[in-house]
N, C-alpha and C. Protein backbone atom coordinates (compact mmCIF):
# COMPACT_ATOMS: atom_id res chain seq x y z
N MET A 1 22.02 -3.31 -0.22
CA MET A 1 21.92 -4.10 -0.80
C MET A 1 23.39 -4.34 -1.32
N SER A 2 23.95 -3.82 -1.96
CA SER A 2 25.10 -3.75 -2.82
C SER A 2 26.21 -3.82 -1.52
N ALA A 3 27.57 -4.28 -1.79
CA ALA A 3 28.78 -4.84 -1.30
C ALA A 3 29.27 -3.73 -0.68
N ALA A 4 29.92 -3.76 0.48
CA ALA A 4 30.39 -2.65 1.28
C ALA A 4 31.63 -2.10 0.35
N GLY A 5 32.11 -0.87 0.15
CA GLY A 5 33.02 -0.25 -0.92
C GLY A 5 32.34 -0.24 -2.43
N GLU A 6 31.20 -0.50 -2.84
CA GLU A 6 30.72 -0.62 -3.96
C GLU A 6 29.65 0.32 -4.25
N SER A 7 29.22 1.33 -4.74
CA SER A 7 28.69 2.49 -4.99
C SER A 7 27.30 1.68 -5.55
N VAL A 8 26.39 2.40 -5.24
CA VAL A 8 24.88 2.05 -6.25
C VAL A 8 25.00 2.01 -7.62
N ARG A 9 25.77 3.16 -8.01
CA ARG A 9 25.67 3.22 -9.47
C ARG A 9 26.78 2.17 -10.21
N ASP A 10 27.78 1.55 -9.28
CA ASP A 10 28.96 0.76 -10.11
C ASP A 10 27.69 -0.73 -10.04
N VAL A 11 27.23 -1.04 -9.24
CA VAL A 11 26.19 -2.08 -8.92
C VAL A 11 25.17 -2.13 -10.13
N LEU A 12 24.63 -0.97 -10.13
CA LEU A 12 23.57 -1.14 -11.22
C LEU A 12 23.87 -0.94 -12.42
N ALA A 13 25.25 -0.22 -12.67
CA ALA A 13 25.72 -0.24 -13.90
C ALA A 13 25.86 -1.80 -14.65
N GLY A 14 26.61 -2.71 -13.92
CA GLY A 14 26.59 -4.11 -14.32
C GLY A 14 25.16 -4.97 -14.55
N ASN A 15 24.59 -4.64 -13.43
CA ASN A 15 23.01 -5.47 -13.65
C ASN A 15 22.33 -5.00 -14.47
N LEU A 16 22.36 -3.30 -14.86
CA LEU A 16 21.43 -3.19 -15.96
C LEU A 16 21.59 -3.67 -17.29
N ARG A 17 23.35 -3.64 -17.66
CA ARG A 17 23.49 -4.02 -18.99
C ARG A 17 23.22 -5.68 -19.16
N ARG A 18 23.65 -6.33 -17.74
CA ARG A 18 23.37 -7.58 -18.28
C ARG A 18 21.62 -8.18 -18.30
N ALA A 19 20.90 -7.26 -17.56
CA ALA A 19 19.25 -7.45 -17.87
C ALA A 19 18.94 -7.16 -18.96
N ARG A 20 19.53 -5.86 -19.75
CA ARG A 20 19.14 -5.67 -20.95
C ARG A 20 19.34 -6.77 -22.10
N LEU A 21 20.82 -6.89 -21.91
CA LEU A 21 21.18 -8.01 -22.63
C LEU A 21 20.48 -9.50 -22.59
N GLU A 22 20.08 -9.73 -21.74
CA GLU A 22 19.50 -11.23 -21.45
C GLU A 22 18.31 -11.20 -21.83
N LEU A 23 17.43 -9.85 -22.19
CA LEU A 23 15.97 -9.80 -22.75
C LEU A 23 16.15 -9.13 -24.16
N GLY A 24 17.54 -9.26 -24.71
CA GLY A 24 17.66 -9.26 -26.01
C GLY A 24 17.35 -7.49 -26.65
N LEU A 25 17.73 -6.59 -25.49
CA LEU A 25 17.22 -4.97 -25.70
C LEU A 25 18.30 -4.27 -26.53
N SER A 26 17.98 -3.30 -27.34
CA SER A 26 18.95 -2.42 -27.25
C SER A 26 18.80 -1.14 -26.74
N LEU A 27 19.65 -0.41 -26.30
CA LEU A 27 19.57 0.66 -25.80
C LEU A 27 18.31 1.37 -26.21
N SER A 28 18.28 2.00 -27.49
CA SER A 28 17.22 2.49 -28.25
C SER A 28 15.70 2.09 -27.64
N GLU A 29 15.74 0.53 -27.43
CA GLU A 29 14.29 0.05 -27.09
C GLU A 29 14.10 0.27 -25.62
N LEU A 30 14.70 -0.22 -24.92
CA LEU A 30 14.87 0.19 -23.55
C LEU A 30 14.66 1.69 -23.27
N SER A 31 15.18 2.32 -23.88
CA SER A 31 15.13 4.20 -23.96
C SER A 31 13.23 4.27 -23.97
N ARG A 32 12.88 3.53 -25.02
CA ARG A 32 11.43 3.72 -25.39
C ARG A 32 10.40 3.41 -24.55
N ARG A 33 11.11 2.09 -24.10
CA ARG A 33 9.97 1.41 -22.78
C ARG A 33 10.15 2.04 -21.57
N SER A 34 11.15 2.55 -21.26
CA SER A 34 11.43 3.15 -19.92
C SER A 34 11.02 4.39 -19.86
N LYS A 35 10.95 5.09 -21.08
CA LYS A 35 10.95 6.81 -21.29
C LYS A 35 12.51 7.63 -20.68
N ILE A 36 13.49 6.90 -20.54
CA ILE A 36 15.00 7.49 -20.21
C ILE A 36 15.51 7.44 -21.46
N GLY A 37 16.28 8.51 -21.65
CA GLY A 37 16.97 9.35 -22.49
C GLY A 37 17.97 8.14 -22.76
N LYS A 38 18.32 7.89 -24.44
CA LYS A 38 19.52 6.86 -24.45
C LYS A 38 20.95 7.04 -23.88
N ALA A 39 21.20 8.48 -24.06
CA ALA A 39 22.54 9.00 -23.62
C ALA A 39 22.42 8.64 -21.98
N THR A 40 21.34 8.68 -21.39
CA THR A 40 21.51 8.69 -20.00
C THR A 40 21.62 7.09 -19.40
N LEU A 41 20.94 6.26 -20.52
CA LEU A 41 21.14 5.05 -20.15
C LEU A 41 22.66 4.51 -20.35
N SER A 42 22.98 4.96 -21.23
CA SER A 42 24.36 4.59 -21.60
C SER A 42 25.50 4.94 -20.28
N GLN A 43 25.10 6.01 -19.65
CA GLN A 43 25.93 6.79 -18.57
C GLN A 43 25.87 5.74 -17.70
N LEU A 44 24.60 5.26 -17.63
CA LEU A 44 24.24 4.34 -16.40
C LEU A 44 24.98 3.14 -16.32
N GLU A 45 24.85 2.89 -17.62
CA GLU A 45 25.64 1.28 -17.80
C GLU A 45 27.17 1.34 -17.67
N ALA A 46 27.61 2.90 -17.77
CA ALA A 46 29.14 3.05 -17.86
C ALA A 46 29.37 3.32 -16.38
N GLY A 47 28.70 3.11 -15.59
CA GLY A 47 28.97 3.65 -14.06
C GLY A 47 28.88 4.78 -14.00
N ALA A 48 28.65 5.74 -14.80
CA ALA A 48 28.77 7.28 -14.47
C ALA A 48 27.47 7.95 -14.39
N GLY A 49 26.28 7.47 -14.31
CA GLY A 49 25.15 7.99 -14.16
C GLY A 49 24.86 8.48 -13.12
N ASN A 50 23.76 9.19 -12.80
CA ASN A 50 23.26 9.77 -11.28
C ASN A 50 22.09 8.82 -10.84
N PRO A 51 21.95 7.66 -10.40
CA PRO A 51 20.54 6.90 -10.33
C PRO A 51 19.63 7.56 -9.57
N THR A 52 18.66 7.82 -9.41
CA THR A 52 17.61 8.34 -8.61
C THR A 52 16.71 7.30 -8.56
N ILE A 53 15.57 7.66 -7.81
CA ILE A 53 14.45 6.46 -7.43
C ILE A 53 13.75 6.05 -8.74
N GLU A 54 13.15 7.54 -9.12
CA GLU A 54 12.38 7.43 -10.35
C GLU A 54 12.62 6.59 -11.70
N THR A 55 14.45 6.70 -11.53
CA THR A 55 15.21 6.20 -12.58
C THR A 55 14.97 4.71 -12.11
N VAL A 56 15.43 4.21 -11.03
CA VAL A 56 15.56 2.97 -11.07
C VAL A 56 14.22 2.29 -11.05
N PHE A 57 12.94 2.69 -10.59
CA PHE A 57 11.77 2.29 -10.70
C PHE A 57 11.29 2.24 -12.31
N SER A 58 11.62 3.11 -13.17
CA SER A 58 11.52 3.29 -14.36
C SER A 58 11.62 1.83 -14.81
N LEU A 59 13.05 1.64 -15.08
CA LEU A 59 14.11 0.57 -15.38
C LEU A 59 13.48 -0.86 -14.71
N SER A 60 12.85 -0.46 -13.27
CA SER A 60 12.44 -2.21 -13.12
C SER A 60 11.04 -2.35 -13.63
N ARG A 61 10.37 -1.09 -14.32
CA ARG A 61 8.98 -1.30 -15.09
C ARG A 61 9.35 -1.81 -16.41
N ALA A 62 10.03 -1.21 -17.05
CA ALA A 62 10.56 -1.56 -18.39
C ALA A 62 10.74 -2.86 -18.67
N LEU A 63 12.07 -3.13 -17.42
CA LEU A 63 12.61 -4.62 -17.57
C LEU A 63 11.74 -5.89 -17.19
N GLU A 64 10.59 -5.47 -16.30
CA GLU A 64 10.13 -6.22 -15.62
C GLU A 64 10.47 -7.10 -14.82
N ILE A 65 11.65 -6.67 -13.92
CA ILE A 65 12.24 -7.39 -13.11
C ILE A 65 12.02 -6.60 -11.48
N PRO A 66 12.58 -7.40 -10.60
CA PRO A 66 12.33 -6.75 -9.42
C PRO A 66 13.66 -5.81 -9.27
N ILE A 67 13.69 -4.79 -8.37
CA ILE A 67 14.35 -3.61 -7.93
C ILE A 67 15.54 -4.19 -7.44
N SER A 68 16.03 -5.43 -6.66
CA SER A 68 16.82 -6.04 -6.38
C SER A 68 17.83 -6.54 -7.07
N ASP A 69 16.99 -7.04 -8.59
CA ASP A 69 17.61 -7.64 -9.61
C ASP A 69 18.54 -6.39 -10.22
N LEU A 70 18.20 -5.11 -10.02
CA LEU A 70 19.35 -3.96 -10.27
C LEU A 70 20.01 -3.46 -9.32
N LEU A 71 19.84 -3.90 -7.87
CA LEU A 71 20.51 -3.04 -6.76
C LEU A 71 21.49 -4.20 -6.36
N ASP A 72 21.28 -5.60 -6.40
CA ASP A 72 21.95 -6.55 -5.54
C ASP A 72 23.36 -7.00 -6.39
N ASN A 73 24.26 -7.15 -5.39
CA ASN A 73 25.60 -7.36 -5.60
C ASN A 73 25.78 -8.98 -5.31
N GLN A 74 25.16 -9.39 -4.28
CA GLN A 74 25.39 -10.77 -3.58
C GLN A 74 24.53 -11.22 -2.40
N GLU A 75 24.18 -12.26 -2.37
CA GLU A 75 23.32 -13.04 -1.57
C GLU A 75 23.85 -12.75 -0.23
N PRO A 76 23.35 -12.51 0.86
CA PRO A 76 23.71 -12.49 2.18
C PRO A 76 23.75 -13.67 2.88
N SER A 77 24.16 -14.25 3.68
CA SER A 77 24.08 -15.53 4.32
C SER A 77 24.42 -15.34 5.94
N GLY A 78 23.82 -16.16 6.83
CA GLY A 78 24.29 -16.04 8.12
C GLY A 78 23.40 -14.86 9.02
N VAL A 79 24.53 -14.50 9.85
CA VAL A 79 24.01 -12.92 10.59
C VAL A 79 24.08 -11.82 9.67
N THR A 80 22.92 -10.84 9.60
CA THR A 80 23.55 -9.84 8.57
C THR A 80 23.01 -8.31 9.25
N VAL A 81 24.15 -7.45 9.57
CA VAL A 81 23.78 -6.26 10.16
C VAL A 81 24.02 -5.14 9.42
N VAL A 82 23.25 -4.53 8.93
CA VAL A 82 23.61 -2.94 8.21
C VAL A 82 23.25 -1.90 9.06
N ARG A 83 24.43 -1.28 8.50
CA ARG A 83 24.37 0.03 9.58
C ARG A 83 23.90 0.99 8.69
N ALA A 84 22.77 2.07 9.33
CA ALA A 84 22.37 3.24 8.52
C ALA A 84 23.55 4.06 7.75
N ALA A 85 24.54 4.30 8.67
CA ALA A 85 25.40 5.17 8.51
C ALA A 85 26.22 4.66 6.90
N GLU A 86 25.99 3.52 6.61
CA GLU A 86 26.95 2.65 5.72
C GLU A 86 26.34 2.33 4.46
N VAL A 87 24.98 2.81 4.63
CA VAL A 87 24.07 2.49 3.33
C VAL A 87 23.72 3.71 2.65
N GLU A 88 23.97 3.40 1.01
CA GLU A 88 24.14 4.54 0.44
C GLU A 88 22.72 5.12 0.12
N VAL A 89 22.21 6.04 0.07
CA VAL A 89 20.58 6.43 0.06
C VAL A 89 20.46 6.90 -1.15
N LEU A 90 19.37 6.11 -2.03
CA LEU A 90 18.59 6.41 -3.07
C LEU A 90 17.76 7.42 -2.92
N ARG A 91 17.61 8.51 -3.89
CA ARG A 91 17.03 9.73 -3.83
C ARG A 91 16.05 9.89 -4.76
N GLY A 92 14.72 10.60 -4.48
CA GLY A 92 13.94 10.91 -5.48
C GLY A 92 13.41 12.33 -5.16
N GLU A 93 12.09 12.59 -5.71
CA GLU A 93 11.56 13.92 -5.58
C GLU A 93 11.08 14.14 -4.02
N GLY A 94 10.52 13.18 -3.46
CA GLY A 94 10.05 13.29 -2.07
C GLY A 94 10.45 12.20 -0.98
N VAL A 95 11.02 10.96 -1.70
CA VAL A 95 11.76 9.97 -1.03
C VAL A 95 12.83 9.65 -0.57
N ASP A 96 13.50 9.44 0.43
CA ASP A 96 14.81 8.75 0.70
C ASP A 96 14.62 7.28 0.80
N LEU A 97 15.46 6.46 0.12
CA LEU A 97 15.45 5.17 0.25
C LEU A 97 16.58 4.47 0.55
N ARG A 98 16.92 3.52 1.80
CA ARG A 98 17.78 2.85 1.87
C ARG A 98 17.86 1.48 1.95
N PRO A 99 18.19 1.20 0.69
CA PRO A 99 17.79 -0.51 0.56
C PRO A 99 18.89 -1.48 1.49
N LEU A 100 18.40 -2.39 2.37
CA LEU A 100 18.48 -3.14 3.42
C LEU A 100 19.08 -4.51 3.16
N ARG A 101 18.19 -5.22 2.13
CA ARG A 101 18.37 -6.50 2.04
C ARG A 101 17.28 -7.05 1.07
N GLY A 102 17.70 -8.13 0.18
CA GLY A 102 16.48 -8.97 -0.58
C GLY A 102 16.90 -10.30 -0.18
N ILE A 103 15.29 -10.64 -0.21
CA ILE A 103 15.28 -12.34 0.77
C ILE A 103 14.37 -13.02 0.07
N ALA A 104 14.97 -14.14 -0.52
CA ALA A 104 14.16 -15.05 -1.20
C ALA A 104 13.45 -16.14 -0.41
N SER A 105 12.19 -16.58 -0.52
CA SER A 105 11.60 -17.51 0.50
C SER A 105 10.53 -18.29 -0.38
N GLY A 106 10.52 -19.51 -0.58
CA GLY A 106 9.48 -20.35 -1.53
C GLY A 106 9.32 -19.87 -2.43
N GLY A 107 10.07 -19.24 -3.24
CA GLY A 107 9.73 -18.72 -4.63
C GLY A 107 9.39 -17.49 -5.09
N ALA A 108 8.97 -16.95 -3.72
CA ALA A 108 8.94 -15.37 -3.44
C ALA A 108 10.20 -14.65 -3.40
N MET A 109 10.36 -13.29 -3.42
CA MET A 109 11.60 -12.72 -2.84
C MET A 109 11.08 -11.39 -2.55
N PHE A 110 11.57 -11.10 -1.34
CA PHE A 110 11.06 -9.53 -0.65
C PHE A 110 12.30 -8.57 -0.58
N GLU A 111 12.09 -7.43 -0.75
CA GLU A 111 13.32 -6.71 -0.54
C GLU A 111 12.81 -5.71 0.43
N VAL A 112 13.55 -5.17 1.70
CA VAL A 112 13.38 -4.38 2.92
C VAL A 112 13.97 -3.42 2.46
N TYR A 113 13.49 -1.93 3.20
CA TYR A 113 13.84 -0.75 2.81
C TYR A 113 13.57 0.02 3.97
N ASP A 114 14.95 0.96 4.47
CA ASP A 114 14.21 2.11 5.29
C ASP A 114 13.83 3.09 4.57
N GLN A 115 12.62 3.79 4.68
CA GLN A 115 12.30 4.58 4.08
C GLN A 115 11.82 5.95 4.22
N GLN A 116 12.24 6.97 4.21
CA GLN A 116 12.14 8.48 4.54
C GLN A 116 11.35 9.37 3.82
N VAL A 117 9.89 9.87 3.86
CA VAL A 117 9.23 10.27 2.94
C VAL A 117 9.44 12.13 3.49
N ARG A 118 10.19 12.92 2.44
CA ARG A 118 10.46 14.22 3.18
C ARG A 118 9.16 14.98 3.43
N ALA A 119 9.05 16.07 4.38
CA ALA A 119 8.16 16.98 4.97
C ALA A 119 7.66 17.63 3.69
N GLY A 120 6.02 17.57 3.48
CA GLY A 120 5.86 18.25 2.44
C GLY A 120 6.18 17.98 0.94
N ARG A 121 6.58 16.84 0.93
CA ARG A 121 7.02 16.32 -0.74
C ARG A 121 5.99 15.29 -1.18
N ARG A 122 5.74 15.18 -2.48
CA ARG A 122 5.21 13.76 -2.89
C ARG A 122 6.13 13.33 -3.77
N GLN A 123 6.14 11.67 -3.88
CA GLN A 123 6.67 11.06 -4.23
C GLN A 123 5.87 10.28 -5.54
N ASP A 124 5.53 10.13 -6.56
CA ASP A 124 4.39 9.64 -7.54
C ASP A 124 5.71 8.37 -8.37
N SER A 125 4.65 7.56 -8.46
CA SER A 125 5.31 5.96 -9.36
C SER A 125 4.10 6.01 -10.18
N LEU A 126 4.39 5.62 -11.54
CA LEU A 126 3.67 5.07 -12.45
C LEU A 126 3.36 4.14 -12.16
N GLY A 127 3.82 3.14 -11.52
CA GLY A 127 3.79 1.63 -11.17
C GLY A 127 4.97 0.85 -11.50
N HIS A 128 5.12 -0.51 -11.08
CA HIS A 128 6.16 -1.58 -11.08
C HIS A 128 6.01 -2.85 -10.92
N VAL A 129 7.09 -3.79 -10.93
CA VAL A 129 6.68 -4.91 -10.70
C VAL A 129 6.46 -4.96 -9.37
N GLY A 130 5.55 -6.17 -8.67
CA GLY A 130 5.58 -6.22 -7.43
C GLY A 130 4.40 -6.06 -6.59
N THR A 131 4.47 -6.44 -5.54
CA THR A 131 3.08 -6.04 -4.34
C THR A 131 4.03 -4.83 -3.07
N GLU A 132 3.29 -3.93 -2.90
CA GLU A 132 4.16 -2.80 -1.82
C GLU A 132 3.28 -2.96 -0.37
N HIS A 133 4.13 -3.03 0.40
CA HIS A 133 3.64 -2.90 1.70
C HIS A 133 4.58 -2.12 2.68
N THR A 134 3.84 -1.01 3.15
CA THR A 134 4.48 -0.07 4.36
C THR A 134 4.02 -0.04 5.26
N ILE A 135 5.10 0.14 6.28
CA ILE A 135 4.23 0.18 7.57
C ILE A 135 5.43 1.45 8.19
N VAL A 136 4.21 2.59 8.77
CA VAL A 136 4.73 3.87 8.94
C VAL A 136 5.27 3.73 10.65
N GLN A 137 6.28 4.34 10.61
CA GLN A 137 6.83 4.48 12.02
C GLN A 137 6.41 5.63 12.83
N THR A 138 6.97 6.75 12.15
CA THR A 138 6.59 8.15 12.69
C THR A 138 5.94 9.20 11.76
N GLY A 139 5.19 10.08 12.18
CA GLY A 139 4.73 10.70 11.38
C GLY A 139 3.26 10.51 10.70
N ARG A 140 2.56 11.23 9.62
CA ARG A 140 1.53 10.94 8.98
C ARG A 140 1.76 10.76 7.41
N LEU A 141 0.99 9.67 6.89
CA LEU A 141 1.57 9.80 5.18
C LEU A 141 0.45 9.43 4.63
N ALA A 142 0.13 10.00 3.73
CA ALA A 142 -1.07 10.02 2.62
C ALA A 142 -0.72 9.02 1.66
N VAL A 143 -1.33 8.20 1.19
CA VAL A 143 -1.17 7.30 0.30
C VAL A 143 -2.15 7.16 -0.90
N ARG A 144 -1.49 7.08 -2.09
CA ARG A 144 -2.96 7.48 -3.04
C ARG A 144 -2.81 6.13 -4.16
N VAL A 145 -3.69 5.33 -4.46
CA VAL A 145 -3.22 4.04 -5.25
C VAL A 145 -4.35 4.07 -6.17
N ASP A 146 -3.91 4.37 -7.41
CA ASP A 146 -4.91 4.58 -8.49
C ASP A 146 -5.78 5.96 -8.15
N ASP A 147 -7.10 5.63 -7.75
CA ASP A 147 -7.86 6.45 -7.58
C ASP A 147 -8.36 6.54 -5.96
N ARG A 148 -7.78 5.58 -5.38
CA ARG A 148 -7.92 5.29 -3.64
C ARG A 148 -6.98 6.00 -2.91
N ASP A 149 -7.90 6.88 -1.57
CA ASP A 149 -6.54 7.44 -0.91
C ASP A 149 -6.76 6.76 0.35
N VAL A 150 -5.94 7.12 1.42
CA VAL A 150 -5.64 6.29 2.98
C VAL A 150 -4.83 7.25 3.53
N GLU A 151 -5.12 7.75 4.82
CA GLU A 151 -3.96 8.26 5.67
C GLU A 151 -3.46 7.27 6.46
N LEU A 152 -2.41 7.29 6.95
CA LEU A 152 -1.77 6.41 8.09
C LEU A 152 -1.02 7.00 9.04
N GLY A 153 -0.94 6.58 10.19
CA GLY A 153 -0.33 7.21 11.15
C GLY A 153 0.93 6.13 11.49
N PRO A 154 1.36 6.39 13.06
CA PRO A 154 2.45 5.28 13.64
C PRO A 154 1.63 3.85 13.64
N GLY A 155 2.57 2.79 13.01
CA GLY A 155 1.77 1.78 13.41
C GLY A 155 0.86 1.23 12.70
N ASP A 156 0.67 2.10 11.34
CA ASP A 156 -0.23 1.51 10.29
C ASP A 156 0.40 0.86 9.26
N TYR A 157 -0.28 0.50 8.55
CA TYR A 157 0.03 -0.73 7.64
C TYR A 157 -0.90 -0.40 6.43
N VAL A 158 -0.29 -0.48 5.12
CA VAL A 158 -0.80 -0.57 3.71
C VAL A 158 -0.29 -1.36 2.61
N SER A 159 -1.25 -2.26 2.16
CA SER A 159 -0.29 -3.13 1.25
C SER A 159 -1.05 -3.01 -0.29
N PHE A 160 -0.75 -3.00 -1.28
CA PHE A 160 -1.35 -2.81 -2.94
C PHE A 160 -0.62 -3.33 -3.79
N ASP A 161 -1.17 -3.35 -5.11
CA ASP A 161 -0.50 -3.81 -6.15
C ASP A 161 0.28 -3.03 -6.83
N ALA A 162 1.79 -2.96 -6.75
CA ALA A 162 2.51 -1.97 -7.25
C ALA A 162 2.60 -1.47 -8.29
N ARG A 163 1.75 -2.20 -9.36
CA ARG A 163 1.71 -2.00 -10.77
C ARG A 163 0.50 -0.92 -11.01
N LEU A 164 0.02 -0.68 -9.95
CA LEU A 164 -0.75 0.59 -9.98
C LEU A 164 -0.41 1.70 -10.00
N PRO A 165 -0.60 2.92 -10.36
CA PRO A 165 0.02 4.17 -10.24
C PRO A 165 -0.44 4.96 -8.63
N HIS A 166 0.73 5.34 -7.92
CA HIS A 166 0.36 5.52 -6.49
C HIS A 166 1.53 6.59 -6.03
N SER A 167 1.11 7.30 -4.93
CA SER A 167 2.17 8.04 -4.55
C SER A 167 2.02 8.26 -3.01
N TYR A 168 3.04 9.11 -2.40
CA TYR A 168 3.21 8.96 -1.01
C TYR A 168 3.17 10.35 -0.68
N VAL A 169 2.67 11.19 0.43
CA VAL A 169 2.76 12.51 0.82
C VAL A 169 2.90 12.35 2.12
N ALA A 170 4.53 13.23 2.56
CA ALA A 170 4.39 13.55 4.24
C ALA A 170 3.42 14.47 4.31
N LEU A 171 2.48 14.10 5.40
CA LEU A 171 1.63 15.50 5.94
C LEU A 171 2.26 16.28 7.18
N GLU A 172 2.68 15.51 8.42
CA GLU A 172 3.17 16.64 9.44
C GLU A 172 4.80 16.45 9.49
N GLY A 173 5.68 16.98 9.19
CA GLY A 173 6.87 16.61 8.89
C GLY A 173 7.29 15.63 8.39
N ASN A 174 8.55 15.16 8.65
CA ASN A 174 9.29 13.59 7.72
C ASN A 174 8.47 12.64 8.44
N VAL A 175 8.31 11.45 7.70
CA VAL A 175 7.77 10.68 7.90
C VAL A 175 8.66 9.13 7.62
N ARG A 176 8.98 8.48 8.54
CA ARG A 176 9.54 7.18 8.45
C ARG A 176 8.93 6.03 8.63
N SER A 177 9.37 5.19 8.00
CA SER A 177 8.40 3.91 7.37
C SER A 177 9.49 2.70 7.06
N VAL A 178 9.08 1.58 7.00
CA VAL A 178 9.62 0.53 6.47
C VAL A 178 9.02 0.09 5.47
N LEU A 179 9.40 -0.18 4.01
CA LEU A 179 9.07 -0.48 3.01
C LEU A 179 9.31 -1.73 2.46
N LEU A 180 8.41 -2.55 2.41
CA LEU A 180 8.76 -4.00 1.96
C LEU A 180 8.28 -4.33 0.23
N LEU A 181 9.00 -4.93 -0.60
CA LEU A 181 8.34 -5.28 -1.93
C LEU A 181 8.34 -6.09 -2.04
N GLN A 182 7.47 -7.09 -2.33
CA GLN A 182 7.21 -8.55 -2.54
C GLN A 182 6.95 -9.02 -4.05
N TYR A 183 7.78 -9.76 -4.51
CA TYR A 183 7.84 -10.30 -5.84
C TYR A 183 7.31 -11.77 -5.68
N ASP A 184 6.02 -12.29 -6.23
CA ASP A 184 5.64 -13.53 -6.35
C ASP A 184 6.60 -14.25 -7.34
N ALA A 185 6.37 -15.75 -7.54
CA ALA A 185 7.17 -16.76 -8.59
C ALA A 185 7.02 -15.95 -9.95
N ASP A 186 5.42 -15.74 -10.30
CA ASP A 186 5.13 -15.80 -11.33
C ASP A 186 5.52 -14.00 -12.23
N GLN A 187 6.08 -13.44 -10.93
CA GLN A 187 6.82 -12.11 -11.43
C GLN A 187 8.10 -12.05 -12.10
N ARG A 188 8.49 -12.35 -12.99
CA ARG A 188 9.53 -12.83 -13.44
C ARG A 188 9.68 -12.56 -14.82
N LEU A 189 10.80 -12.38 -15.58
CA LEU A 189 10.66 -11.95 -16.73
C LEU A 189 9.73 -12.93 -18.00
N HIS A 190 9.25 -11.76 -18.60
CA HIS A 190 8.60 -12.19 -19.84
C HIS A 190 7.19 -12.91 -19.00
N SER A 191 7.19 -12.99 -18.04
CA SER A 191 5.65 -13.54 -17.40
C SER A 191 4.61 -12.62 -17.60
N ALA A 192 3.33 -13.25 -17.85
CA ALA A 192 2.04 -12.03 -18.33
C ALA A 192 1.63 -11.66 -16.74
N PRO A 193 1.30 -10.40 -16.74
CA PRO A 193 0.43 -10.01 -15.59
C PRO A 193 -0.56 -10.85 -15.31
N ALA A 194 -0.32 -10.98 -13.77
CA ALA A 194 -1.31 -11.85 -13.20
C ALA A 194 -2.27 -10.80 -12.52
N GLU A 195 -3.54 -11.18 -12.45
CA GLU A 195 -4.72 -10.92 -11.66
C GLU A 195 -3.78 -10.10 -10.45
N PRO A 196 -4.21 -8.68 -10.19
CA PRO A 196 -3.53 -8.48 -8.98
C PRO A 196 -3.66 -9.12 -7.54
N PRO A 197 -2.57 -9.52 -6.86
CA PRO A 197 -3.04 -10.51 -5.81
C PRO A 197 -3.27 -9.57 -4.43
N HIS A 198 -3.67 -8.33 -4.71
CA HIS A 198 -4.04 -7.86 -3.19
C HIS A 198 -4.90 -6.78 -3.47
N ARG A 199 -5.94 -6.75 -2.81
CA ARG A 199 -6.80 -5.38 -2.91
C ARG A 199 -6.41 -4.15 -2.02
N PHE A 200 -6.61 -3.15 -2.63
CA PHE A 200 -6.57 -2.02 -1.89
C PHE A 200 -7.54 -1.79 -1.22
N ASP A 201 -7.34 -1.65 0.44
CA ASP A 201 -8.52 -1.30 1.11
C ASP A 201 -8.44 -0.14 1.98
N GLY A 202 -8.77 0.97 1.39
CA GLY A 202 -8.71 2.59 1.96
C GLY A 202 -10.13 2.52 3.12
N PRO A 203 -10.38 3.50 3.49
CA PRO A 203 -11.03 4.07 4.38
C PRO A 203 -12.26 4.29 3.44
């Protein structure tokens, strides 16, 4: 999502400071909300930090803004081609994410990611703004949402309210999938949490 030649850390630095100031939050208050150390936040805003998936999602949850508000640098237009080799990977405990594009449509916003869950690893999330959509391309993926479990294979799809605690585990080798994060018009700064827009249907 960031412009060519500009790193994720550079884009995050400017967007994080802008979002924090717009909300009138001090570094100490953002640290309290996100459970990220004040010194780490200061480094991130200076472009000197090392952002991970866990860090970015914690900031999204604490600031109540879409991931793209932290990682986007410009609005694509016309024909957009994203080369996998040119996209900086955002790494987590068990997942590698390549941000591809943010799309605004009819008041909603979608973020598109190339997602790889590493073999035998688990990626946990305490929850964040939006609705999560995952389509498995290769491998077998175990998904846990709150207290529900489902196993997915190639071509399978799952959707759930991303504010619920959730996790991904690759069961047989690496799992390649497409991740879409959807933000509705009411999922914006200072808006009160709405009723979950989707029910998680497991087996």
